[in-house]
């Protein structure tokens, strides 16, 4: 488990409605050395983000149930919590057709574990360096 400067665990919020894909993403977060939190839709993700101040990164599918899709969630996260970076994932869309907010990355499915873990570490390191 990776800790922040005050020995507090670093949390990554995984937002995915499909259980198998969510479990795989959670495993990647754990393998990268971070502590995962889980949400099934964008509304639950926003509730978790609103109730915590210790989330460093959000990893979200683009096609999600809730009041917005993953792209809307990414823009909301960057607007309301600018210190939190976002990883978006999809098997349906191509990066040129996605309106990514700043400090966000896109990964196509099927997810490559090494690529996601490297992205998580890089983005959390970037966010921690900005503090």
Protein backbone atom coordinates (compact mmCIF):
# COMPACT_ATOMS: atom_id res chain seq x y z
CA UNK A 1 0.00 0.00 0.00
CA UNK A 2 1.32 3.43 -0.90
CA UNK A 3 1.03 6.21 1.61
CA UNK A 4 0.96 9.98 1.29
CA UNK A 5 3.38 12.31 3.10
CA UNK A 6 1.69 11.81 6.49
CA UNK A 7 1.52 7.99 6.18
CA UNK A 8 -2.13 8.14 5.13
CA UNK A 9 -3.21 5.65 2.41
CA UNK A 10 -3.72 7.04 -1.09
CA UNK A 11 -7.24 6.29 -2.37
CA UNK A 12 -8.39 5.70 -5.94
CA UNK A 13 -12.12 5.74 -6.73
CA UNK A 14 -13.09 3.10 -9.32
CA UNK A 15 -16.43 3.81 -11.03
CA UNK A 16 -17.69 0.86 -13.09
CA UNK A 17 -21.16 -0.69 -13.22
CA UNK A 18 -20.07 -4.11 -14.53
CA UNK A 19 -18.91 -6.21 -11.58
CA UNK A 20 -16.25 -8.26 -13.42
CA UNK A 21 -14.67 -5.16 -14.96
CA UNK A 22 -14.87 -3.29 -11.64
CA UNK A 23 -13.15 -6.14 -9.80
CA UNK A 24 -10.40 -6.19 -12.43
CA UNK A 25 -9.87 -2.42 -12.16
CA UNK A 26 -9.87 -2.66 -8.34
CA UNK A 27 -7.20 -5.37 -8.59
CA UNK A 28 -5.07 -3.12 -10.79
CA UNK A 29 -5.34 -0.29 -8.28
CA UNK A 30 -4.28 -2.66 -5.48
CA UNK A 31 -1.44 -4.06 -7.61
CA UNK A 32 -0.24 -0.48 -8.20
CA UNK A 33 -0.03 -0.11 -4.42
CA UNK A 34 -3.06 2.10 -3.76
CA UNK A 35 -6.31 1.68 -1.84
CA UNK A 36 -9.42 1.34 -4.03
CA UNK A 37 -12.90 2.66 -3.30
CA UNK A 38 -15.81 1.52 -5.48
CA UNK A 39 -18.87 3.17 -7.01
CA UNK A 40 -21.44 1.57 -9.32
CA UNK A 41 -22.63 4.77 -11.03
CA UNK A 42 -21.85 8.47 -11.36
CA UNK A 43 -24.27 9.54 -8.63
CA UNK A 44 -22.65 7.21 -6.10
CA UNK A 45 -19.22 8.44 -7.23
CA UNK A 46 -20.22 12.07 -6.65
CA UNK A 47 -21.61 11.20 -3.22
CA UNK A 48 -18.32 9.49 -2.27
CA UNK A 49 -16.26 12.39 -3.61
CA UNK A 50 -18.42 14.88 -1.71
CA UNK A 51 -17.98 13.01 1.55
CA UNK A 52 -14.19 12.47 1.42
CA UNK A 53 -11.11 14.60 0.98
CA UNK A 54 -8.57 11.79 0.57
CA UNK A 55 -9.21 10.62 -3.01
CA UNK A 56 -6.25 11.18 -5.34
CA UNK A 57 -7.58 9.72 -8.59
CA UNK A 58 -10.84 8.61 -10.22
CA UNK A 59 -10.86 5.70 -12.70
CA UNK A 60 -14.20 5.58 -14.51
CA UNK A 61 -15.89 3.83 -17.38
CA UNK A 62 -17.40 6.20 -19.94
CA UNK A 63 -20.74 4.39 -20.31
CA UNK A 64 -22.19 4.55 -16.80
CA UNK A 65 -25.65 4.76 -15.26
CA UNK A 66 -26.54 7.83 -13.23
CA UNK A 67 -27.29 11.46 -13.89
CA UNK A 68 -24.31 11.78 -16.28
CA UNK A 69 -21.88 9.57 -18.16
CA UNK A 70 -18.20 9.08 -17.34
CA UNK A 71 -17.15 12.06 -19.46
CA UNK A 72 -19.57 14.29 -17.55
CA UNK A 73 -18.23 12.85 -14.31
CA UNK A 74 -14.65 13.62 -15.40
CA UNK A 75 -15.53 17.24 -16.16
CA UNK A 76 -17.42 17.57 -12.85
CA UNK A 77 -14.50 16.08 -10.90
CA UNK A 78 -11.97 18.43 -12.54
CA UNK A 79 -14.28 21.41 -11.93
CA UNK A 80 -15.23 20.67 -8.31
CA UNK A 81 -12.04 18.88 -7.19
CA UNK A 82 -9.21 20.17 -9.41
CA UNK A 83 -6.54 18.26 -7.48
CA UNK A 84 -8.11 14.92 -8.51
CA UNK A 85 -6.99 13.53 -11.87
CA UNK A 86 -9.17 11.19 -13.92
CA UNK A 87 -8.63 8.04 -15.97
CA UNK A 88 -11.48 7.22 -18.37
CA UNK A 89 -11.94 3.76 -19.87
CA UNK A 90 -14.12 2.47 -22.71
CA UNK A 91 -14.31 -0.24 -25.32
CA UNK A 92 -16.88 1.71 -27.34
CA UNK A 93 -15.21 5.05 -28.03
CA UNK A 94 -11.98 6.21 -29.64
CA UNK A 95 -9.83 8.91 -28.00
CA UNK A 96 -10.27 11.51 -30.81
CA UNK A 97 -14.05 11.50 -30.23
CA UNK A 98 -13.79 12.07 -26.46
CA UNK A 99 -13.88 15.52 -24.87
CA UNK A 100 -11.31 14.85 -22.14
CA UNK A 101 -10.87 17.47 -19.43
CA UNK A 102 -7.34 18.57 -18.45
CA UNK A 103 -5.31 16.12 -16.33
CA UNK A 104 -7.26 13.14 -17.71
CA UNK A 105 -6.18 10.08 -19.65
CA UNK A 106 -8.10 7.58 -21.78
CA UNK A 107 -7.53 3.81 -21.93
CA UNK A 108 -9.38 1.46 -24.24
CA UNK A 109 -10.68 -1.91 -23.10
CA UNK A 110 -9.63 -4.61 -22.76
CA UNK A 111 -7.45 -2.97 -20.15
CA UNK A 112 -3.76 -3.79 -20.14
CA UNK A 113 -2.76 -4.16 -16.48
CA UNK A 114 0.78 -2.79 -16.92
CA UNK A 115 -0.53 0.25 -18.79
CA UNK A 116 -3.21 1.09 -16.21
CA UNK A 117 -0.85 0.58 -13.25
CA UNK A 118 1.78 2.83 -14.87
CA UNK A 119 -0.88 5.47 -15.61
CA UNK A 120 -2.19 5.37 -12.04
CA UNK A 121 1.31 5.74 -10.58
CA UNK A 122 2.21 8.55 -13.01
CA UNK A 123 -1.01 10.50 -12.40
CA UNK A 124 -0.90 10.14 -8.62
CA UNK A 125 2.77 11.16 -8.64
CA UNK A 126 1.84 14.19 -10.76
CA UNK A 127 -1.01 15.13 -8.44
CA UNK A 128 1.12 14.66 -5.32
CA UNK A 129 3.90 16.76 -6.83
CA UNK A 130 1.45 19.59 -7.44
CA UNK A 131 0.45 19.78 -3.77
